[in-house]
Structure formats: C-alpha cells, structure tokens
C-alpha cells in the first residue's frame, strides 16, 4: 500500500494510521527478506523506505522503524547496492532531523560509513553533520566524536571526524 498522497498524510496523520501501518508491515516483511539477500532489493522497498521515513514520526512505531533501518545499514553496509545505501542514509537523516533518532545514535550509525569507497554516501553524511553538529555541540557529543579518532577506527573515519 503506497500512500495516495503524502500531502493528505501530512495534513491529518491520524486519519491515515491504518494505511501507514499497512505500509510499515509491508516494509518490515521486505526488510526480513533482504536480511538474507541484501543484493535483491527492489524499487518497492526503496519507495516504502522513502515514504515512511518522511511521515512515520507521527506514530508510535517510529522508533521501531528507525531501529530496523539502523540495524540493517550497520549489518549490511558493504553488501547492499549503492542506491539502497544512499536511501537508507537519507532516511536516517530525515529521522534524525525529526528527532526520532538522537544525535548519538545517528553518529554511531553514520560515522563508520566514512570508511566506504562510496563517495556519495561520504559526502551526504559529512554534509548532514557539518550542518547539524555546530548547533548541537555538548560534552556528550564531543566525547562520542572523539571516540572515532582512536586507533581502533579506520584513518579515513578519524580524518573526517577531525574535520567535523
């Protein structure tokens, strides 16, 4: 079930709870399939990911959705195709902007992506944090960033974190 129009959902999200729940259930079942076969992702999955990431913050299962996509991206970072990876990263950023995912969680999921050879993903992650972190700086976030500069992380990750 794809949404008839996101505008209707944005105007009155409570009237579309059943439609959103059906789409979320379909997304969850597709995600379960892709845990075993991450290279077999189709356009339907990407469309559901995009739609849900923009409207799910209105509902109580938003944190469950965020946890699922964060886990999937963390466990299948290199095995999923580029277009799916970038869409997952963008969905996490949208959820971070809508305060479904806190900054610490977003850092822990997205910063390790700097080690990838995928330039679009690295640019997207860097741009997101470059724009957001100066307004959210606190000691906890600084400590979390400092963790990525230790010797146990890739030098690419440490360099990008130092730039941030």
N, C-alpha and C. Protein backbone atom coordinates (compact mmCIF):
# COMPACT_ATOMS: atom_id res chain seq x y z
N UNK A 1 0.85 -1.17 0.00
CA UNK A 1 0.00 0.00 0.00
C UNK A 1 0.90 1.23 0.00
N UNK A 2 0.98 1.90 -1.12
CA UNK A 2 1.68 3.18 -1.14
C UNK A 2 0.66 4.27 -0.87
N UNK A 3 1.13 5.34 -0.37
CA UNK A 3 0.23 6.41 0.04
C UNK A 3 -0.32 7.12 -1.19
N UNK A 4 -1.60 7.46 -1.11
CA UNK A 4 -2.22 8.18 -2.23
C UNK A 4 -1.51 9.50 -2.46
N UNK A 5 -1.27 10.19 -1.40
CA UNK A 5 -0.54 11.44 -1.48
C UNK A 5 0.00 11.76 -0.10
N UNK A 6 1.25 12.08 -0.05
CA UNK A 6 1.84 12.42 1.25
C UNK A 6 1.19 13.66 1.83
N UNK A 7 0.71 14.56 0.99
CA UNK A 7 0.09 15.78 1.49
C UNK A 7 -1.09 15.47 2.42
N UNK A 8 -1.90 14.47 2.04
CA UNK A 8 -3.03 14.11 2.89
C UNK A 8 -2.55 13.58 4.23
N UNK A 9 -1.49 12.81 4.20
CA UNK A 9 -0.96 12.25 5.43
C UNK A 9 -0.37 13.35 6.31
N UNK A 10 0.32 14.31 5.70
CA UNK A 10 0.89 15.41 6.47
C UNK A 10 -0.19 16.28 7.10
N UNK A 11 -1.28 16.48 6.39
CA UNK A 11 -2.36 17.33 6.92
C UNK A 11 -3.06 16.70 8.11
N UNK A 12 -3.34 15.41 8.02
CA UNK A 12 -4.06 14.74 9.10
C UNK A 12 -3.54 13.31 9.26
N UNK A 13 -2.41 13.13 9.93
CA UNK A 13 -1.79 11.81 10.01
C UNK A 13 -2.62 10.77 10.77
N UNK A 14 -3.47 11.18 11.67
CA UNK A 14 -4.26 10.22 12.43
C UNK A 14 -5.33 9.53 11.58
N UNK A 15 -5.80 10.20 10.54
CA UNK A 15 -6.79 9.58 9.64
C UNK A 15 -6.17 8.51 8.76
N UNK A 16 -4.86 8.51 8.65
CA UNK A 16 -4.18 7.57 7.76
C UNK A 16 -3.35 6.55 8.52
N UNK A 17 -3.65 6.35 9.77
CA UNK A 17 -2.87 5.45 10.59
C UNK A 17 -2.91 4.02 10.05
N UNK A 18 -4.05 3.58 9.58
CA UNK A 18 -4.16 2.21 9.06
C UNK A 18 -3.36 2.04 7.77
N UNK A 19 -3.40 3.02 6.91
CA UNK A 19 -2.63 2.99 5.67
C UNK A 19 -1.13 2.98 5.97
N UNK A 20 -0.71 3.78 6.92
CA UNK A 20 0.70 3.83 7.30
C UNK A 20 1.11 2.52 7.96
N UNK A 21 0.26 1.95 8.79
CA UNK A 21 0.56 0.68 9.45
C UNK A 21 0.71 -0.44 8.41
N UNK A 22 -0.15 -0.48 7.40
CA UNK A 22 -0.04 -1.49 6.35
C UNK A 22 1.26 -1.34 5.57
N UNK A 23 1.62 -0.11 5.27
CA UNK A 23 2.88 0.13 4.56
C UNK A 23 4.07 -0.25 5.42
N UNK A 24 3.99 0.04 6.71
CA UNK A 24 5.06 -0.33 7.62
C UNK A 24 5.19 -1.85 7.71
N UNK A 25 4.08 -2.56 7.78
CA UNK A 25 4.12 -4.03 7.83
C UNK A 25 4.73 -4.60 6.55
N UNK A 26 4.36 -4.02 5.41
CA UNK A 26 4.94 -4.46 4.14
C UNK A 26 6.44 -4.19 4.11
N UNK A 27 6.84 -3.02 4.58
CA UNK A 27 8.26 -2.68 4.65
C UNK A 27 9.00 -3.68 5.55
N UNK A 28 8.42 -4.00 6.69
CA UNK A 28 9.06 -4.93 7.63
C UNK A 28 9.24 -6.31 7.00
N UNK A 29 8.22 -6.78 6.28
CA UNK A 29 8.35 -8.09 5.64
C UNK A 29 9.41 -8.08 4.53
N UNK A 30 9.47 -6.99 3.76
CA UNK A 30 10.52 -6.88 2.74
C UNK A 30 11.90 -6.81 3.37
N UNK A 31 12.01 -6.11 4.48
CA UNK A 31 13.29 -5.99 5.17
C UNK A 31 13.76 -7.35 5.67
N UNK A 32 12.85 -8.15 6.19
CA UNK A 32 13.21 -9.50 6.64
C UNK A 32 13.74 -10.34 5.49
N UNK A 33 13.14 -10.21 4.33
CA UNK A 33 13.64 -10.93 3.15
C UNK A 33 15.05 -10.49 2.80
N UNK A 34 15.31 -9.20 2.90
CA UNK A 34 16.59 -8.66 2.47
C UNK A 34 17.70 -8.86 3.48
N UNK A 35 17.37 -9.23 4.71
CA UNK A 35 18.43 -9.55 5.67
C UNK A 35 19.23 -10.75 5.16
N UNK A 36 18.55 -11.68 4.47
CA UNK A 36 19.21 -12.86 3.93
C UNK A 36 19.82 -12.60 2.55
N UNK A 37 19.19 -11.73 1.76
CA UNK A 37 19.62 -11.48 0.39
C UNK A 37 19.70 -9.97 0.14
N UNK A 38 20.69 -9.28 0.69
CA UNK A 38 20.72 -7.81 0.57
C UNK A 38 20.91 -7.29 -0.85
N UNK A 39 21.38 -8.12 -1.77
CA UNK A 39 21.57 -7.65 -3.15
C UNK A 39 20.28 -7.70 -3.96
N UNK A 40 19.23 -8.27 -3.41
CA UNK A 40 17.97 -8.47 -4.13
C UNK A 40 16.92 -7.41 -3.82
N UNK A 41 17.32 -6.23 -3.46
CA UNK A 41 16.37 -5.18 -3.06
C UNK A 41 15.75 -4.55 -4.30
N UNK A 42 14.43 -4.33 -4.23
CA UNK A 42 13.72 -3.77 -5.39
C UNK A 42 13.27 -2.34 -5.14
N UNK A 43 12.69 -1.76 -6.16
CA UNK A 43 12.25 -0.35 -6.11
C UNK A 43 11.10 -0.16 -5.12
N UNK A 44 10.30 -1.15 -4.91
CA UNK A 44 9.19 -1.07 -3.96
C UNK A 44 9.72 -0.81 -2.54
N UNK A 45 10.77 -1.51 -2.19
CA UNK A 45 11.40 -1.33 -0.88
C UNK A 45 11.91 0.10 -0.72
N UNK A 46 12.57 0.61 -1.75
CA UNK A 46 13.12 1.96 -1.70
C UNK A 46 12.00 3.00 -1.58
N UNK A 47 10.91 2.80 -2.31
CA UNK A 47 9.77 3.73 -2.26
C UNK A 47 9.14 3.73 -0.87
N UNK A 48 8.95 2.54 -0.30
CA UNK A 48 8.38 2.46 1.05
C UNK A 48 9.31 3.10 2.08
N UNK A 49 10.61 2.87 1.93
CA UNK A 49 11.59 3.47 2.83
C UNK A 49 11.50 4.99 2.79
N UNK A 50 11.44 5.54 1.60
CA UNK A 50 11.35 6.99 1.44
C UNK A 50 10.06 7.53 2.06
N UNK A 51 8.94 6.94 1.69
CA UNK A 51 7.64 7.43 2.18
C UNK A 51 7.54 7.33 3.70
N UNK A 52 7.89 6.19 4.23
CA UNK A 52 7.77 6.00 5.68
C UNK A 52 8.70 6.91 6.46
N UNK A 53 9.91 7.12 5.97
CA UNK A 53 10.84 7.97 6.72
C UNK A 53 10.34 9.41 6.84
N UNK A 54 9.52 9.84 5.89
CA UNK A 54 9.02 11.21 5.93
C UNK A 54 7.75 11.40 6.75
N UNK A 55 7.02 10.32 7.03
CA UNK A 55 5.75 10.50 7.73
C UNK A 55 5.60 9.67 9.00
N UNK A 56 6.50 8.76 9.26
CA UNK A 56 6.31 7.83 10.37
C UNK A 56 6.50 8.50 11.73
N UNK A 57 7.16 9.64 11.77
CA UNK A 57 7.41 10.29 13.06
C UNK A 57 6.13 10.71 13.78
N UNK A 58 5.01 10.67 13.08
CA UNK A 58 3.72 11.00 13.71
C UNK A 58 3.20 9.84 14.57
N UNK A 59 3.77 8.67 14.43
CA UNK A 59 3.18 7.47 15.04
C UNK A 59 4.12 6.80 16.04
N UNK A 60 3.53 5.96 16.88
CA UNK A 60 4.29 5.37 17.97
C UNK A 60 5.26 4.27 17.53
N UNK A 61 5.17 3.79 16.31
CA UNK A 61 6.11 2.77 15.85
C UNK A 61 7.29 3.37 15.08
N UNK A 62 7.48 4.66 15.20
CA UNK A 62 8.59 5.33 14.52
C UNK A 62 9.94 4.87 15.04
N UNK A 63 10.07 4.71 16.35
CA UNK A 63 11.36 4.29 16.90
C UNK A 63 11.70 2.86 16.48
N UNK A 64 10.70 2.03 16.36
CA UNK A 64 10.91 0.65 15.89
C UNK A 64 11.39 0.66 14.43
N UNK A 65 10.79 1.50 13.61
CA UNK A 65 11.21 1.66 12.21
C UNK A 65 12.65 2.15 12.15
N UNK A 66 12.98 3.14 12.94
CA UNK A 66 14.33 3.70 12.95
C UNK A 66 15.34 2.65 13.38
N UNK A 67 15.01 1.88 14.38
CA UNK A 67 15.93 0.83 14.85
C UNK A 67 16.16 -0.22 13.76
N UNK A 68 15.12 -0.58 13.05
CA UNK A 68 15.26 -1.58 11.99
C UNK A 68 16.18 -1.09 10.88
N UNK A 69 15.99 0.14 10.44
CA UNK A 69 16.83 0.60 9.33
C UNK A 69 18.27 0.85 9.78
N UNK A 70 18.45 1.28 11.01
CA UNK A 70 19.82 1.47 11.54
C UNK A 70 20.54 0.12 11.63
N UNK A 71 19.86 -0.90 12.13
CA UNK A 71 20.46 -2.22 12.23
C UNK A 71 20.77 -2.80 10.86
N UNK A 72 19.86 -2.62 9.92
CA UNK A 72 20.08 -3.14 8.57
C UNK A 72 21.28 -2.47 7.92
N UNK A 73 21.37 -1.16 8.05
CA UNK A 73 22.51 -0.44 7.46
C UNK A 73 23.81 -0.84 8.14
N UNK A 74 23.80 -1.00 9.44
CA UNK A 74 25.01 -1.36 10.17
C UNK A 74 25.50 -2.77 9.84
N UNK A 75 24.58 -3.70 9.66
CA UNK A 75 24.98 -5.09 9.43
C UNK A 75 25.26 -5.40 7.96
N UNK A 76 24.70 -4.62 7.05
CA UNK A 76 24.86 -4.91 5.61
C UNK A 76 25.49 -3.73 4.87
N UNK A 77 26.35 -3.00 5.51
CA UNK A 77 26.91 -1.77 4.95
C UNK A 77 27.49 -1.97 3.56
N UNK A 78 28.33 -2.94 3.40
CA UNK A 78 29.04 -3.10 2.14
C UNK A 78 28.33 -4.01 1.15
N UNK A 79 27.38 -4.80 1.60
CA UNK A 79 26.75 -5.77 0.70
C UNK A 79 25.52 -5.22 -0.04
N UNK A 80 24.98 -4.11 0.42
CA UNK A 80 23.80 -3.57 -0.27
C UNK A 80 24.22 -2.65 -1.42
N UNK A 81 23.38 -2.56 -2.43
CA UNK A 81 23.71 -1.70 -3.59
C UNK A 81 23.76 -0.22 -3.19
N UNK A 82 24.46 0.55 -4.01
CA UNK A 82 24.68 1.98 -3.74
C UNK A 82 23.37 2.74 -3.56
N UNK A 83 22.39 2.56 -4.46
CA UNK A 83 21.16 3.33 -4.38
C UNK A 83 20.37 3.03 -3.11
N UNK A 84 20.42 1.82 -2.64
CA UNK A 84 19.73 1.45 -1.40
C UNK A 84 20.48 2.04 -0.20
N UNK A 85 21.80 1.97 -0.25
CA UNK A 85 22.62 2.51 0.85
C UNK A 85 22.37 4.00 1.02
N UNK A 86 22.37 4.74 -0.09
CA UNK A 86 22.17 6.19 -0.01
C UNK A 86 20.76 6.49 0.49
N UNK A 87 19.79 5.69 0.09
CA UNK A 87 18.41 5.91 0.55
C UNK A 87 18.28 5.62 2.04
N UNK A 88 18.96 4.59 2.52
CA UNK A 88 18.95 4.30 3.96
C UNK A 88 19.60 5.44 4.75
N UNK A 89 20.71 5.95 4.25
CA UNK A 89 21.39 7.07 4.91
C UNK A 89 20.47 8.28 4.95
N UNK A 90 19.82 8.58 3.85
CA UNK A 90 18.92 9.73 3.81
C UNK A 90 17.73 9.54 4.73
N UNK A 91 17.22 8.32 4.83
CA UNK A 91 16.10 8.04 5.74
C UNK A 91 16.53 8.26 7.19
N UNK A 92 17.73 7.83 7.54
CA UNK A 92 18.24 8.04 8.90
C UNK A 92 18.40 9.53 9.17
N UNK A 93 18.85 10.28 8.18
CA UNK A 93 18.99 11.73 8.36
C UNK A 93 17.65 12.41 8.56
N UNK A 94 16.65 11.98 7.80
CA UNK A 94 15.30 12.55 7.97
C UNK A 94 14.79 12.25 9.37
N UNK A 95 14.97 11.02 9.82
CA UNK A 95 14.51 10.65 11.16
C UNK A 95 15.30 11.39 12.24
N UNK A 96 16.56 11.66 11.98
CA UNK A 96 17.36 12.46 12.92
C UNK A 96 16.85 13.89 12.96
N UNK A 97 16.54 14.45 11.81
CA UNK A 97 16.01 15.81 11.75
C UNK A 97 14.65 15.93 12.46
N UNK A 98 13.88 14.86 12.41
CA UNK A 98 12.55 14.85 13.04
C UNK A 98 12.60 14.36 14.49
N UNK A 99 13.83 14.18 15.00
CA UNK A 99 14.07 13.81 16.40
C UNK A 99 13.54 12.42 16.77
N UNK A 100 13.44 11.53 15.79
CA UNK A 100 13.12 10.14 16.08
C UNK A 100 14.39 9.42 16.50
N UNK A 101 15.51 9.77 15.85
CA UNK A 101 16.83 9.23 16.20
C UNK A 101 17.62 10.35 16.85
N UNK A 102 18.22 10.07 18.01
CA UNK A 102 19.01 11.10 18.66
C UNK A 102 20.39 11.22 17.98
N UNK A 103 21.09 12.28 18.29
CA UNK A 103 22.35 12.59 17.62
C UNK A 103 23.41 11.53 17.88
N UNK A 104 23.47 11.00 19.09
CA UNK A 104 24.46 9.98 19.43
C UNK A 104 24.25 8.73 18.58
N UNK A 105 23.02 8.29 18.46
CA UNK A 105 22.69 7.11 17.64
C UNK A 105 23.03 7.38 16.18
N UNK A 106 22.69 8.55 15.68
CA UNK A 106 22.99 8.89 14.29
C UNK A 106 24.50 8.89 14.06
N UNK A 107 25.25 9.43 14.99
CA UNK A 107 26.72 9.41 14.87
C UNK A 107 27.25 7.98 14.80
N UNK A 108 26.77 7.13 15.69
CA UNK A 108 27.26 5.76 15.75
C UNK A 108 26.90 4.93 14.52
N UNK A 109 25.82 5.28 13.86
CA UNK A 109 25.43 4.55 12.65
C UNK A 109 26.10 5.13 11.41
N UNK A 110 26.15 6.45 11.32
CA UNK A 110 26.60 7.07 10.06
C UNK A 110 28.10 7.34 9.98
N UNK A 111 28.76 7.66 11.07
CA UNK A 111 30.19 7.96 11.01
C UNK A 111 31.02 6.78 10.48
N UNK A 112 30.74 5.53 10.86
CA UNK A 112 31.52 4.42 10.29
C UNK A 112 31.41 4.29 8.77
N UNK A 113 30.44 4.95 8.16
CA UNK A 113 30.30 4.89 6.71
C UNK A 113 31.39 5.67 5.97
N UNK A 114 32.16 6.47 6.70
CA UNK A 114 33.27 7.19 6.07
C UNK A 114 34.34 6.25 5.52
N UNK A 115 34.38 5.02 6.00
CA UNK A 115 35.39 4.08 5.51
C UNK A 115 35.03 3.49 4.14
N UNK A 116 33.80 3.68 3.70
CA UNK A 116 33.37 3.14 2.41
C UNK A 116 34.02 3.87 1.25
N UNK A 117 34.09 3.20 0.13
CA UNK A 117 34.61 3.86 -1.07
C UNK A 117 33.48 4.57 -1.83
N UNK A 118 32.31 4.63 -1.25
CA UNK A 118 31.14 5.27 -1.86
C UNK A 118 31.17 6.78 -1.57
N UNK A 119 31.61 7.54 -2.54
CA UNK A 119 31.80 8.98 -2.35
C UNK A 119 30.49 9.71 -2.05
N UNK A 120 29.40 9.29 -2.69
CA UNK A 120 28.11 9.94 -2.46
C UNK A 120 27.65 9.78 -1.01
N UNK A 121 27.84 8.61 -0.46
CA UNK A 121 27.46 8.37 0.94
C UNK A 121 28.32 9.20 1.87
N UNK A 122 29.63 9.21 1.63
CA UNK A 122 30.52 10.01 2.48
C UNK A 122 30.16 11.49 2.42
N UNK A 123 29.89 11.99 1.23
CA UNK A 123 29.54 13.40 1.07
C UNK A 123 28.22 13.72 1.77
N UNK A 124 27.26 12.83 1.65
CA UNK A 124 25.95 13.02 2.27
C UNK A 124 26.05 13.05 3.79
N UNK A 125 26.78 12.10 4.36
CA UNK A 125 26.95 12.03 5.82
C UNK A 125 27.70 13.25 6.33
N UNK A 126 28.79 13.61 5.65
CA UNK A 126 29.58 14.76 6.08
C UNK A 126 28.74 16.04 6.03
N UNK A 127 28.00 16.23 4.95
CA UNK A 127 27.17 17.43 4.81
C UNK A 127 26.11 17.52 5.90
N UNK A 128 25.51 16.38 6.22
CA UNK A 128 24.47 16.38 7.25
C UNK A 128 25.04 16.81 8.60
N UNK A 129 26.13 16.19 8.99
CA UNK A 129 26.70 16.51 10.30
C UNK A 129 27.39 17.87 10.31
N UNK A 130 27.94 18.28 9.18
CA UNK A 130 28.57 19.60 9.11
C UNK A 130 27.54 20.69 9.37
N UNK A 131 26.32 20.48 8.88
CA UNK A 131 25.25 21.46 9.09
C UNK A 131 24.60 21.36 10.46
N UNK A 132 24.55 20.16 11.04
CA UNK A 132 23.80 19.94 12.29
C UNK A 132 24.63 20.05 13.56
N UNK A 133 25.86 19.54 13.54
CA UNK A 133 26.63 19.45 14.78
C UNK A 133 26.97 20.77 15.45
N UNK A 134 27.28 21.82 14.70
CA UNK A 134 27.61 23.07 15.41
C UNK A 134 26.49 23.57 16.32
N UNK A 135 25.25 23.22 16.01
CA UNK A 135 24.12 23.69 16.82
C UNK A 135 23.78 22.74 17.95
N UNK A 136 24.38 21.55 17.94
CA UNK A 136 24.05 20.54 18.94
C UNK A 136 25.23 20.18 19.82
N UNK A 137 26.32 20.93 19.74
CA UNK A 137 27.53 20.57 20.47
C UNK A 137 27.28 20.57 21.98
N UNK A 138 27.62 19.47 22.59
CA UNK A 138 27.68 19.37 24.04
C UNK A 138 28.79 18.37 24.37
N UNK A 139 29.09 18.20 25.63
CA UNK A 139 30.21 17.33 26.01
C UNK A 139 30.00 15.88 25.60
N UNK A 140 28.78 15.41 25.66
CA UNK A 140 28.49 14.03 25.29
C UNK A 140 28.76 13.80 23.81
N UNK A 141 28.35 14.72 22.97
CA UNK A 141 28.59 14.59 21.53
C UNK A 141 30.07 14.72 21.22
N UNK A 142 30.76 15.61 21.90
CA UNK A 142 32.21 15.76 21.69
C UNK A 142 32.95 14.49 22.08
N UNK A 143 32.54 13.86 23.18
CA UNK A 143 33.17 12.60 23.59
C UNK A 143 32.89 11.49 22.58
N UNK A 144 31.68 11.48 22.07
CA UNK A 144 31.32 10.46 21.08
C UNK A 144 32.14 10.63 19.80
N UNK A 145 32.31 11.86 19.36
CA UNK A 145 33.14 12.12 18.18
C UNK A 145 34.60 11.76 18.44
N UNK A 146 35.07 12.07 19.63
CA UNK A 146 36.46 11.80 19.98
C UNK A 146 36.74 10.29 19.96
N UNK A 147 35.73 9.50 20.28
CA UNK A 147 35.86 8.04 20.26
C UNK A 147 36.29 7.55 18.87
N UNK A 148 35.79 8.21 17.82
CA UNK A 148 36.09 7.79 16.45
C UNK A 148 37.50 8.17 16.00
N UNK A 149 38.21 8.96 16.78
CA UNK A 149 39.58 9.33 16.41
C UNK A 149 40.62 8.39 17.00
N UNK A 150 40.18 7.41 17.78
CA UNK A 150 41.12 6.46 18.38
C UNK A 150 41.70 5.53 17.32
N UNK A 151 42.73 4.81 17.68
CA UNK A 151 43.45 3.96 16.73
C UNK A 151 42.65 2.74 16.28
N UNK A 152 41.58 2.39 16.98
CA UNK A 152 40.80 1.22 16.58
C UNK A 152 39.92 1.48 15.36
N UNK A 153 39.76 2.74 14.98
CA UNK A 153 38.96 3.08 13.81
C UNK A 153 39.85 3.38 12.61
N UNK A 154 39.29 3.23 11.46
CA UNK A 154 39.98 3.49 10.20
C UNK A 154 40.49 4.93 10.15
N UNK A 155 41.61 5.16 9.51
CA UNK A 155 42.17 6.52 9.44
C UNK A 155 41.28 7.47 8.65
N UNK A 156 40.52 6.93 7.68
CA UNK A 156 39.58 7.77 6.92
C UNK A 156 38.50 8.32 7.85
N UNK A 157 38.03 7.47 8.74
CA UNK A 157 36.99 7.88 9.69
C UNK A 157 37.55 8.95 10.62
N UNK A 158 38.73 8.72 11.15
CA UNK A 158 39.34 9.67 12.08
C UNK A 158 39.56 11.02 11.41
N UNK A 159 40.02 11.02 10.17
CA UNK A 159 40.27 12.27 9.45
C UNK A 159 38.98 13.05 9.25
N UNK A 160 37.92 12.38 8.82
CA UNK A 160 36.64 13.06 8.59
C UNK A 160 36.05 13.59 9.90
N UNK A 161 36.19 12.84 10.97
CA UNK A 161 35.68 13.28 12.27
C UNK A 161 36.44 14.51 12.74
N UNK A 162 37.74 14.52 12.54
CA UNK A 162 38.53 15.68 12.91
C UNK A 162 38.13 16.91 12.08
N UNK A 163 37.77 16.70 10.83
CA UNK A 163 37.27 17.80 10.02
C UNK A 163 35.96 18.36 10.57
N UNK A 164 35.11 17.45 11.04
CA UNK A 164 33.84 17.89 11.62
C UNK A 164 34.09 18.70 12.88
